[in-house]
Amino acid sequence: MAFFSSVLDRAGRGARPELVALALLVSAAPGRAETLKAHFSLSLLGLSIGHASADGVIEGRNYRVDISMRTTGLASLVNDTRGAATAAGAISREGPAPASYANTTSNTYETRTVRMALAGNSVRAVHVDPTPWDMPIRIPVTEANKSHIIDPVSALIMSVPASEPLIGPSACNRTIPVFDGVTRFDVTLSYVETRSVETRGYSGPVSVCAARYLPISGHRPDSVSTRFMAENNDITVWLAPLPMAHAVVPYRMALRTTVGMLTVEPAEFRLGGRRQAADQ
């Protein structure tokens, strides 16, 4: 989520919070692995601006998710922006408990790398290179802000209580506390409706959720784009079920930005399972 926002910040030079709601991406059945392979198209005002991919696996009590994106077409002529991020950790009853997170984004102006080590859903170490030039005037991130959080990539896996269905209010209704190495924010989801979708690799129901963004720390108090996102009532995230992991993951996203509607839609979306080796 914040991965895409930090990448497209460099495309817009100051519009980083515009895509933070993408951060809106359990308990795996023994002997099975749940997989996700997806390709997405990014468009703004109906015009293609880039593509992204996601590759994840939940295997036993462990998970790993890799995502990448790049601007294309006219957007790349203005600012060729690309990025890649990965997260790995363990699955607890409450959901992902990340152990590591790494994110590298680059554009015409600079390349930034973020690395975090985590334990117990708290940050143990974080390294950002280069540090944002305006860090001294941002709202300080406290040690408490780094506890009871999840990284932006691990946040794409959203657990659903074992007794609850994977489609409907139980899929959506939640607050996700995210720290991306620089900013701390919450994403709150609430159920709107259920729809049937069909794309290459997937056909079935999804839960449509309304999303709200709440900045907490690490942002500039005078940021117009942060204030816009905090007041934005036009954000939706569609969630598809991962049955064996009893979790949901983002299928589609749409949100209003300061320059128009942004959509992230799947060109291919494949969910699957495979048997693990007998000695795993």
C-alpha atoms as a PDB file:
ATOM      1  CA  MET A   1       0.000   0.000   0.000  1.00  0.00           C
ATOM      2  CA  ALA A   2       2.425   2.579   1.164  1.00  0.00           C
ATOM      3  CA  PHE A   3       4.848   0.957  -1.245  1.00  0.00           C
ATOM      4  CA  PHE A   4       2.772   2.146  -4.210  1.00  0.00           C
ATOM      5  CA  SER A   5       2.270   5.518  -2.565  1.00  0.00           C
ATOM      6  CA  SER A   6       6.010   6.079  -2.113  1.00  0.00           C
ATOM      7  CA  VAL A   7       6.712   5.041  -5.692  1.00  0.00           C
ATOM      8  CA  LEU A   8       4.121   7.366  -7.192  1.00  0.00           C
ATOM      9  CA  ASP A   9       5.191  10.147  -4.877  1.00  0.00           C
ATOM     10  CA  ARG A  10       8.325  10.327  -6.952  1.00  0.00           C
ATOM     11  CA  ALA A  11       6.206  10.515 -10.084  1.00  0.00           C
ATOM     12  CA  GLY A  12       4.230  13.415  -8.609  1.00  0.00           C
ATOM     13  CA  ARG A  13       6.930  14.996  -6.387  1.00  0.00           C
ATOM     14  CA  GLY A  14       4.804  15.635  -3.320  1.00  0.00           C
ATOM     15  CA  ALA A  15       1.701  13.514  -3.937  1.00  0.00           C
ATOM     16  CA  ARG A  16       2.977  10.524  -1.928  1.00  0.00           C
ATOM     17  CA  PRO A  17      -0.083  10.132   0.328  1.00  0.00           C
ATOM     18  CA  GLU A  18      -2.367   9.939  -2.708  1.00  0.00           C
ATOM     19  CA  LEU A  19      -1.930   6.190  -3.009  1.00  0.00           C
ATOM     20  CA  VAL A  20      -1.404   5.238   0.597  1.00  0.00           C
ATOM     21  CA  ALA A  21      -4.749   3.499   0.740  1.00  0.00           C
ATOM     22  CA  LEU A  22      -3.315   0.733  -1.361  1.00  0.00           C
ATOM     23  CA  ALA A  23      -2.132  -0.492   1.804  1.00  0.00           C
ATOM     24  CA  LEU A  24      -5.139  -1.971   1.991  1.00  0.00           C
ATOM     25  CA  LEU A  25      -3.355  -5.951   0.518  1.00  0.00           C
ATOM     26  CA  VAL A  26      -4.740 -16.007   9.116  1.00  0.00           C
ATOM     27  CA  SER A  27      -4.016 -19.238   9.665  1.00  0.00           C
ATOM     28  CA  ALA A  28      -2.837 -21.592   6.941  1.00  0.00           C
ATOM     29  CA  ALA A  29      -4.074 -25.156   6.860  1.00  0.00           C
ATOM     30  CA  PRO A  30      -1.333 -27.677   7.752  1.00  0.00           C
ATOM     31  CA  GLY A  31       0.221 -29.353   4.750  1.00  0.00           C
ATOM     32  CA  ARG A  32      -1.068 -26.767   2.267  1.00  0.00           C
ATOM     33  CA  ALA A  33       0.289 -23.586   0.724  1.00  0.00           C
ATOM     34  CA  GLU A  34      -1.799 -20.673  -0.536  1.00  0.00           C
ATOM     35  CA  THR A  35      -0.425 -18.658  -3.458  1.00  0.00           C
ATOM     36  CA  LEU A  36      -1.204 -15.361  -5.171  1.00  0.00           C
ATOM     37  CA  LYS A  37       0.088 -14.234  -8.564  1.00  0.00           C
ATOM     38  CA  ALA A  38      -1.372 -11.038  -9.975  1.00  0.00           C
ATOM     39  CA  HIS A  39      -0.708  -8.330 -12.539  1.00  0.00           C
ATOM     40  CA  PHE A  40      -2.405  -4.943 -12.290  1.00  0.00           C
ATOM     41  CA  SER A  41      -2.871  -1.960 -14.573  1.00  0.00           C
ATOM     42  CA  LEU A  42      -2.751   1.567 -13.138  1.00  0.00           C
ATOM     43  CA  SER A  43      -4.786   4.331 -14.744  1.00  0.00           C
ATOM     44  CA  LEU A  44      -5.482   7.961 -13.939  1.00  0.00           C
ATOM     45  CA  LEU A  45      -8.469   9.704 -15.504  1.00  0.00           C
ATOM     46  CA  GLY A  46      -8.844   6.632 -17.708  1.00  0.00           C
ATOM     47  CA  LEU A  47      -5.301   6.912 -19.085  1.00  0.00           C
ATOM     48  CA  SER A  48      -2.768   4.163 -18.458  1.00  0.00           C
ATOM     49  CA  ILE A  49       0.075   5.319 -16.217  1.00  0.00           C
ATOM     50  CA  GLY A  50       1.749   2.057 -15.217  1.00  0.00           C
ATOM     51  CA  HIS A  51       1.591  -1.549 -14.141  1.00  0.00           C
ATOM     52  CA  ALA A  52       2.247  -3.556 -10.993  1.00  0.00           C
ATOM     53  CA  SER A  53       2.602  -7.175  -9.949  1.00  0.00           C
ATOM     54  CA  ALA A  54       2.230  -9.191  -6.754  1.00  0.00           C
ATOM     55  CA  ASP A  55       3.589 -12.653  -5.938  1.00  0.00           C
ATOM     56  CA  GLY A  56       2.857 -14.180  -2.550  1.00  0.00           C
ATOM     57  CA  VAL A  57       2.794 -17.487  -0.728  1.00  0.00           C
ATOM     58  CA  ILE A  58       1.468 -18.541   2.681  1.00  0.00           C
ATOM     59  CA  GLU A  59       3.137 -21.821   3.539  1.00  0.00           C
ATOM     60  CA  GLY A  60       2.519 -23.492   6.873  1.00  0.00           C
ATOM     61  CA  ARG A  61       2.952 -20.716   9.428  1.00  0.00           C
ATOM     62  CA  ASN A  62       5.118 -18.527   7.202  1.00  0.00           C
ATOM     63  CA  TYR A  63       4.477 -16.069   4.393  1.00  0.00           C
ATOM     64  CA  ARG A  64       6.354 -14.017   1.841  1.00  0.00           C
ATOM     65  CA  VAL A  65       5.019 -11.326  -0.501  1.00  0.00           C
ATOM     66  CA  ASP A  66       6.886  -9.546  -3.323  1.00  0.00           C
ATOM     67  CA  ILE A  67       5.426  -6.606  -5.228  1.00  0.00           C
ATOM     68  CA  SER A  68       6.726  -4.285  -7.928  1.00  0.00           C
ATOM     69  CA  MET A  69       5.479  -1.399 -10.046  1.00  0.00           C
ATOM     70  CA  ARG A  70       6.600   0.931 -12.806  1.00  0.00           C
ATOM     71  CA  THR A  71       5.160   3.922 -14.603  1.00  0.00           C
ATOM     72  CA  THR A  72       4.695   3.577 -18.358  1.00  0.00           C
ATOM     73  CA  GLY A  73       3.516   5.620 -21.339  1.00  0.00           C
ATOM     74  CA  LEU A  74       3.187   9.370 -20.886  1.00  0.00           C
ATOM     75  CA  ALA A  75       3.766   9.068 -17.141  1.00  0.00           C
ATOM     76  CA  SER A  76       7.240   7.617 -17.731  1.00  0.00           C
ATOM     77  CA  LEU A  77       8.097  10.513 -20.031  1.00  0.00           C
ATOM     78  CA  VAL A  78       7.369  12.932 -17.193  1.00  0.00           C
ATOM     79  CA  ASN A  79       9.083  10.820 -14.544  1.00  0.00           C
ATOM     80  CA  ASP A  80      10.220   7.222 -14.987  1.00  0.00           C
ATOM     81  CA  THR A  81       9.283   5.780 -11.603  1.00  0.00           C
ATOM     82  CA  ARG A  82       9.723   2.216 -10.445  1.00  0.00           C
ATOM     83  CA  GLY A  83       9.891   0.270  -7.232  1.00  0.00           C
ATOM     84  CA  ALA A  84      10.008  -3.138  -5.597  1.00  0.00           C
ATOM     85  CA  ALA A  85       9.194  -4.298  -2.091  1.00  0.00           C
ATOM     86  CA  THR A  86       9.204  -7.546  -0.163  1.00  0.00           C
ATOM     87  CA  ALA A  87       8.031  -8.700   3.248  1.00  0.00           C
ATOM     88  CA  ALA A  88       8.248 -11.995   5.105  1.00  0.00           C
ATOM     89  CA  GLY A  89       7.231 -13.294   8.472  1.00  0.00           C
ATOM     90  CA  ALA A  90       5.047 -15.694  10.407  1.00  0.00           C
ATOM     91  CA  ILE A  91       1.300 -16.141  10.566  1.00  0.00           C
ATOM     92  CA  SER A  92      -0.315 -15.772  13.985  1.00  0.00           C
ATOM     93  CA  ARG A  93      -3.953 -16.127  14.976  1.00  0.00           C
ATOM     94  CA  GLU A  94      -4.314 -12.346  14.678  1.00  0.00           C
ATOM     95  CA  GLY A  95      -2.715 -12.210  11.219  1.00  0.00           C
ATOM     96  CA  PRO A  96       0.743 -11.547   9.743  1.00  0.00           C
ATOM     97  CA  ALA A  97       3.604 -10.942  12.174  1.00  0.00           C
ATOM     98  CA  PRO A  98       6.324  -9.535   9.876  1.00  0.00           C
ATOM     99  CA  ALA A  99      10.001 -10.227  10.457  1.00  0.00           C
ATOM    100  CA  SER A 100      11.460  -8.210   7.573  1.00  0.00           C
ATOM    101  CA  TYR A 101      10.436  -5.518   5.106  1.00  0.00           C
ATOM    102  CA  ALA A 102      12.440  -3.899   2.312  1.00  0.00           C
ATOM    103  CA  ASN A 103      11.429  -1.298  -0.257  1.00  0.00           C
ATOM    104  CA  THR A 104      13.411   0.427  -2.993  1.00  0.00           C
ATOM    105  CA  THR A 105      11.909   3.163  -5.151  1.00  0.00           C
ATOM    106  CA  SER A 106      13.576   5.299  -7.795  1.00  0.00           C
ATOM    107  CA  ASN A 107      12.788   8.035 -10.267  1.00  0.00           C
ATOM    108  CA  THR A 108      14.534  10.703 -12.268  1.00  0.00           C
ATOM    109  CA  TYR A 109      15.644  12.496  -9.114  1.00  0.00           C
ATOM    110  CA  GLU A 110      16.694   9.868  -6.595  1.00  0.00           C
ATOM    111  CA  THR A 111      16.607   6.305  -5.308  1.00  0.00           C
ATOM    112  CA  ARG A 112      15.396   5.604  -1.775  1.00  0.00           C
ATOM    113  CA  THR A 113      15.731   2.357   0.157  1.00  0.00           C
ATOM    114  CA  VAL A 114      13.866   1.415   3.324  1.00  0.00           C
ATOM    115  CA  ARG A 115      14.728  -1.661   5.393  1.00  0.00           C
ATOM    116  CA  MET A 116      13.020  -2.760   8.587  1.00  0.00           C
ATOM    117  CA  ALA A 117      13.479  -5.621  11.020  1.00  0.00           C
ATOM    118  CA  LEU A 118      10.398  -6.442  13.110  1.00  0.00           C
ATOM    119  CA  ALA A 119       9.317  -8.775  15.897  1.00  0.00           C
ATOM    120  CA  GLY A 120       6.015  -9.064  17.707  1.00  0.00           C
ATOM    121  CA  ASN A 121       4.508  -6.515  15.302  1.00  0.00           C
ATOM    122  CA  SER A 122       6.979  -3.902  16.524  1.00  0.00           C
ATOM    123  CA  VAL A 123       9.937  -2.296  14.764  1.00  0.00           C
ATOM    124  CA  ARG A 124      13.318  -3.458  16.029  1.00  0.00           C
ATOM    125  CA  ALA A 125      15.450  -1.569  13.513  1.00  0.00           C
ATOM    126  CA  VAL A 126      14.786   0.724  10.548  1.00  0.00           C
ATOM    127  CA  HIS A 127      17.125   2.224   7.963  1.00  0.00           C
ATOM    128  CA  VAL A 128      16.075   4.829   5.388  1.00  0.00           C
ATOM    129  CA  ASP A 129      18.571   6.034   2.768  1.00  0.00           C
ATOM    130  CA  PRO A 130      18.469   8.864   1.952  1.00  0.00           C
ATOM    131  CA  THR A 131      16.479  10.368   4.800  1.00  0.00           C
ATOM    132  CA  PRO A 132      13.695  12.650   3.501  1.00  0.00           C
ATOM    133  CA  TRP A 133      15.058  16.204   3.268  1.00  0.00           C
ATOM    134  CA  ASP A 134      12.097  17.610   5.229  1.00  0.00           C
ATOM    135  CA  MET A 135      12.318  15.152   8.127  1.00  0.00           C
ATOM    136  CA  PRO A 136      12.997  17.904  10.736  1.00  0.00           C
ATOM    137  CA  ILE A 137       9.622  19.532  10.054  1.00  0.00           C
ATOM    138  CA  ARG A 138       7.592  16.311   9.973  1.00  0.00           C
ATOM    139  CA  ILE A 139       5.546  15.145  12.970  1.00  0.00           C
ATOM    140  CA  PRO A 140       7.961  12.944  14.973  1.00  0.00           C
ATOM    141  CA  VAL A 141       7.395   9.179  14.968  1.00  0.00           C
ATOM    142  CA  THR A 142       7.501   7.998  18.576  1.00  0.00           C
ATOM    143  CA  GLU A 143       8.582   4.581  19.797  1.00  0.00           C
ATOM    144  CA  ALA A 144       4.945   3.885  20.648  1.00  0.00           C
ATOM    145  CA  ASN A 145       4.070   4.593  16.989  1.00  0.00           C
ATOM    146  CA  LYS A 146       6.375   1.710  16.016  1.00  0.00           C
ATOM    147  CA  SER A 147       4.556  -0.863  18.156  1.00  0.00           C
ATOM    148  CA  HIS A 148       1.458  -2.892  17.269  1.00  0.00           C
ATOM    149  CA  ILE A 149       1.950  -2.143  13.577  1.00  0.00           C
ATOM    150  CA  ILE A 150       2.373  -3.925  10.282  1.00  0.00           C
ATOM    151  CA  ASP A 151       4.453  -3.034   7.242  1.00  0.00           C
ATOM    152  CA  PRO A 152       2.754  -1.942   3.986  1.00  0.00           C
ATOM    153  CA  VAL A 153       3.353  -5.214   2.120  1.00  0.00           C
ATOM    154  CA  SER A 154       2.337  -7.557   4.942  1.00  0.00           C
ATOM    155  CA  ALA A 155      -0.803  -5.420   5.287  1.00  0.00           C
ATOM    156  CA  LEU A 156      -2.004  -6.840   1.967  1.00  0.00           C
ATOM    157  CA  ILE A 157      -2.801 -10.127   3.776  1.00  0.00           C
ATOM    158  CA  MET A 158      -5.868  -9.562   5.948  1.00  0.00           C
ATOM    159  CA  SER A 159      -6.946 -12.363   8.245  1.00  0.00           C
ATOM    160  CA  VAL A 160     -10.601 -13.203   8.871  1.00  0.00           C
ATOM    161  CA  PRO A 161     -11.702 -14.917  12.106  1.00  0.00           C
ATOM    162  CA  ALA A 162     -12.072 -18.666  11.608  1.00  0.00           C
ATOM    163  CA  SER A 163     -15.755 -18.567  12.533  1.00  0.00           C
ATOM    164  CA  GLU A 164     -16.542 -15.776  10.041  1.00  0.00           C
ATOM    165  CA  PRO A 165     -17.167 -15.964   6.251  1.00  0.00           C
ATOM    166  CA  LEU A 166     -14.567 -14.668   3.788  1.00  0.00           C
ATOM    167  CA  ILE A 167     -17.132 -12.599   1.894  1.00  0.00           C
ATOM    168  CA  GLY A 168     -19.163  -9.820   3.496  1.00  0.00           C
ATOM    169  CA  PRO A 169     -18.697  -7.508   6.504  1.00  0.00           C
ATOM    170  CA  SER A 170     -16.170  -9.789   8.217  1.00  0.00           C
ATOM    171  CA  ALA A 171     -13.820  -9.365   5.227  1.00  0.00           C
ATOM    172  CA  CYS A 172     -13.904  -5.573   5.325  1.00  0.00           C
ATOM    173  CA  ASN A 173     -14.550  -4.262   8.812  1.00  0.00           C
ATOM    174  CA  ARG A 174     -11.102  -3.589  10.293  1.00  0.00           C
ATOM    175  CA  THR A 175      -8.470  -0.939  11.044  1.00  0.00           C
ATOM    176  CA  ILE A 176      -4.956  -1.596   9.737  1.00  0.00           C
ATOM    177  CA  PRO A 177      -2.102   0.149  11.636  1.00  0.00           C
ATOM    178  CA  VAL A 178       0.745   0.707   9.142  1.00  0.00           C
ATOM    179  CA  PHE A 179       4.321   1.974   9.453  1.00  0.00           C
ATOM    180  CA  ASP A 180       6.308   2.272   6.214  1.00  0.00           C
ATOM    181  CA  GLY A 181       9.641   3.273   7.746  1.00  0.00           C
ATOM    182  CA  VAL A 182       8.870   6.999   7.522  1.00  0.00           C
ATOM    183  CA  THR A 183       5.159   7.546   8.177  1.00  0.00           C
ATOM    184  CA  ARG A 184       2.675   5.988  10.588  1.00  0.00           C
ATOM    185  CA  PHE A 185      -0.990   5.861   9.581  1.00  0.00           C
ATOM    186  CA  ASP A 186      -4.178   3.835   9.932  1.00  0.00           C
ATOM    187  CA  VAL A 187      -6.351   2.526   7.110  1.00  0.00           C
ATOM    188  CA  THR A 188      -9.933   1.813   8.161  1.00  0.00           C
ATOM    189  CA  LEU A 189     -12.123  -0.433   5.989  1.00  0.00           C
ATOM    190  CA  SER A 190     -15.909  -0.811   6.180  1.00  0.00           C
ATOM    191  CA  TYR A 191     -18.209  -3.102   4.221  1.00  0.00           C
ATOM    192  CA  VAL A 192     -20.259  -1.694   1.331  1.00  0.00           C
ATOM    193  CA  GLU A 193     -21.457  -4.615  -0.796  1.00  0.00           C
ATOM    194  CA  THR A 194     -20.590  -7.940  -2.443  1.00  0.00           C
ATOM    195  CA  ARG A 195     -19.959  -8.223  -6.183  1.00  0.00           C
ATOM    196  CA  SER A 196     -19.159 -10.983  -8.667  1.00  0.00           C
ATOM    197  CA  VAL A 197     -16.093 -10.397 -10.836  1.00  0.00           C
ATOM    198  CA  GLU A 198     -14.294 -12.167 -13.638  1.00  0.00           C
ATOM    199  CA  THR A 199     -10.792 -11.635 -14.926  1.00  0.00           C
ATOM    200  CA  ARG A 200      -8.077 -13.864 -16.279  1.00  0.00           C
ATOM    201  CA  GLY A 201      -7.323 -16.394 -13.544  1.00  0.00           C
ATOM    202  CA  TYR A 202     -10.196 -15.576 -11.202  1.00  0.00           C
ATOM    203  CA  SER A 203     -13.973 -15.665 -11.279  1.00  0.00           C
ATOM    204  CA  GLY A 204     -16.055 -15.299  -8.152  1.00  0.00           C
ATOM    205  CA  PRO A 205     -17.244 -12.983  -5.386  1.00  0.00           C
ATOM    206  CA  VAL A 206     -15.364 -10.049  -3.857  1.00  0.00           C
ATOM    207  CA  SER A 207     -16.172  -7.798  -0.916  1.00  0.00           C
ATOM    208  CA  VAL A 208     -16.302  -4.078  -1.706  1.00  0.00           C
ATOM    209  CA  CYS A 209     -14.995  -1.933   1.151  1.00  0.00           C
ATOM    210  CA  ALA A 210     -14.932   1.812   1.712  1.00  0.00           C
ATOM    211  CA  ALA A 211     -11.530   2.985   2.972  1.00  0.00           C
ATOM    212  CA  ARG A 212     -10.418   5.941   5.061  1.00  0.00           C
ATOM    213  CA  TYR A 213      -6.877   7.175   5.685  1.00  0.00           C
ATOM    214  CA  LEU A 214      -5.813   8.543   9.068  1.00  0.00           C
ATOM    215  CA  PRO A 215      -2.325  10.098   9.306  1.00  0.00           C
ATOM    216  CA  ILE A 216      -0.707   9.716  12.712  1.00  0.00           C
ATOM    217  CA  SER A 217       2.970  10.726  12.460  1.00  0.00           C
ATOM    218  CA  GLY A 218       5.887  11.054  10.077  1.00  0.00           C
ATOM    219  CA  HIS A 219       4.001  13.427   7.758  1.00  0.00           C
ATOM    220  CA  ARG A 220       4.279  17.170   7.333  1.00  0.00           C
ATOM    221  CA  PRO A 221       1.603  19.032   9.325  1.00  0.00           C
ATOM    222  CA  ASP A 222       1.229  21.520   6.461  1.00  0.00           C
ATOM    223  CA  SER A 223       0.891  18.871   3.725  1.00  0.00           C
ATOM    224  CA  VAL A 224      -2.048  19.654   1.438  1.00  0.00           C
ATOM    225  CA  SER A 225      -2.046  16.152  -0.058  1.00  0.00           C
ATOM    226  CA  THR A 226      -2.052  14.487   3.379  1.00  0.00           C
ATOM    227  CA  ARG A 227      -5.005  16.619   4.451  1.00  0.00           C
ATOM    228  CA  PHE A 228      -6.775  15.811   1.166  1.00  0.00           C
ATOM    229  CA  MET A 229      -6.355  12.073   1.753  1.00  0.00           C
ATOM    230  CA  ALA A 230      -7.497  12.321   5.375  1.00  0.00           C
ATOM    231  CA  GLU A 231     -10.709  13.993   4.171  1.00  0.00           C
ATOM    232  CA  ASN A 232     -11.128  11.712   1.149  1.00  0.00           C
ATOM    233  CA  ASN A 233     -14.452   9.844   1.164  1.00  0.00           C
ATOM    234  CA  ASP A 234     -13.994   8.409  -2.313  1.00  0.00           C
ATOM    235  CA  ILE A 235     -11.750   5.361  -1.784  1.00  0.00           C
ATOM    236  CA  THR A 236     -12.826   1.767  -2.356  1.00  0.00           C
ATOM    237  CA  VAL A 237     -10.942  -1.527  -2.077  1.00  0.00           C
ATOM    238  CA  TRP A 238     -12.250  -4.860  -3.371  1.00  0.00           C
ATOM    239  CA  LEU A 239     -11.080  -7.948  -1.456  1.00  0.00           C
ATOM    240  CA  ALA A 240     -10.836 -11.501  -2.811  1.00  0.00           C
ATOM    241  CA  PRO A 241     -10.777 -14.589  -0.547  1.00  0.00           C
ATOM    242  CA  LEU A 242      -7.821 -16.889   0.145  1.00  0.00           C
ATOM    243  CA  PRO A 243      -9.816 -19.921   1.365  1.00  0.00           C
ATOM    244  CA  MET A 244      -7.043 -22.151   2.730  1.00  0.00           C
ATOM    245  CA  ALA A 245      -5.387 -19.261   4.589  1.00  0.00           C
ATOM    246  CA  HIS A 246      -8.797 -17.893   5.650  1.00  0.00           C
ATOM    247  CA  ALA A 247      -7.699 -14.419   4.623  1.00  0.00           C
ATOM    248  CA  VAL A 248      -8.500 -11.800   1.998  1.00  0.00           C
ATOM    249  CA  VAL A 249      -6.263  -9.780  -0.338  1.00  0.00           C
ATOM    250  CA  PRO A 250      -6.840  -6.672  -2.497  1.00  0.00           C
ATOM    251  CA  TYR A 251      -8.304  -7.358  -5.936  1.00  0.00           C
ATOM    252  CA  ARG A 252      -9.045  -3.815  -7.120  1.00  0.00           C
ATOM    253  CA  MET A 253      -8.726  -0.285  -5.795  1.00  0.00           C
ATOM    254  CA  ALA A 254     -10.129   3.095  -6.793  1.00  0.00           C
ATOM    255  CA  LEU A 255      -9.597   6.460  -5.164  1.00  0.00           C
ATOM    256  CA  ARG A 256      -9.995  10.112  -5.909  1.00  0.00           C
ATOM    257  CA  THR A 257      -6.716  12.034  -6.042  1.00  0.00           C
ATOM    258  CA  THR A 258      -6.127  15.772  -6.345  1.00  0.00           C
ATOM    259  CA  VAL A 259      -5.909  15.340 -10.125  1.00  0.00           C
ATOM    260  CA  GLY A 260      -8.690  12.787 -10.712  1.00  0.00           C
ATOM    261  CA  MET A 261      -9.680   9.162 -10.196  1.00  0.00           C
ATOM    262  CA  LEU A 262      -6.946   6.573  -9.908  1.00  0.00           C
ATOM    263  CA  THR A 263      -7.758   2.894 -10.450  1.00  0.00           C
ATOM    264  CA  VAL A 264      -5.668  -0.207  -9.900  1.00  0.00           C
ATOM    265  CA  GLU A 265      -7.340  -3.094 -11.750  1.00  0.00           C
ATOM    266  CA  PRO A 266      -6.256  -6.708 -12.261  1.00  0.00           C
ATOM    267  CA  ALA A 267      -5.217  -7.833 -15.721  1.00  0.00           C
ATOM    268  CA  GLU A 268      -4.531 -11.276 -14.244  1.00  0.00           C
ATOM    269  CA  PHE A 269      -5.354 -12.553 -10.762  1.00  0.00           C
ATOM    270  CA  ARG A 270      -4.592 -16.137  -9.762  1.00  0.00           C
ATOM    271  CA  LEU A 271      -5.186 -17.715  -6.374  1.00  0.00           C
ATOM    272  CA  GLY A 272      -4.148 -21.282  -5.780  1.00  0.00           C
ATOM    273  CA  GLY A 273      -2.909 -23.942  -3.419  1.00  0.00           C
ATOM    274  CA  ARG A 274      -0.306 -26.626  -3.558  1.00  0.00           C
ATOM    275  CA  ARG A 275       0.814 -29.508  -1.382  1.00  0.00           C
ATOM    276  CA  GLN A 276       3.949 -28.997   0.630  1.00  0.00           C
ATOM    277  CA  ALA A 277       6.712 -31.562   0.771  1.00  0.00           C
ATOM    278  CA  ALA A 278       6.136 -34.261   3.397  1.00  0.00           C
ATOM    279  CA  ASP A 279       9.112 -33.131   5.484  1.00  0.00           C
ATOM    280  CA  GLN A 280       8.017 -29.491   5.720  1.00  0.00           C
END
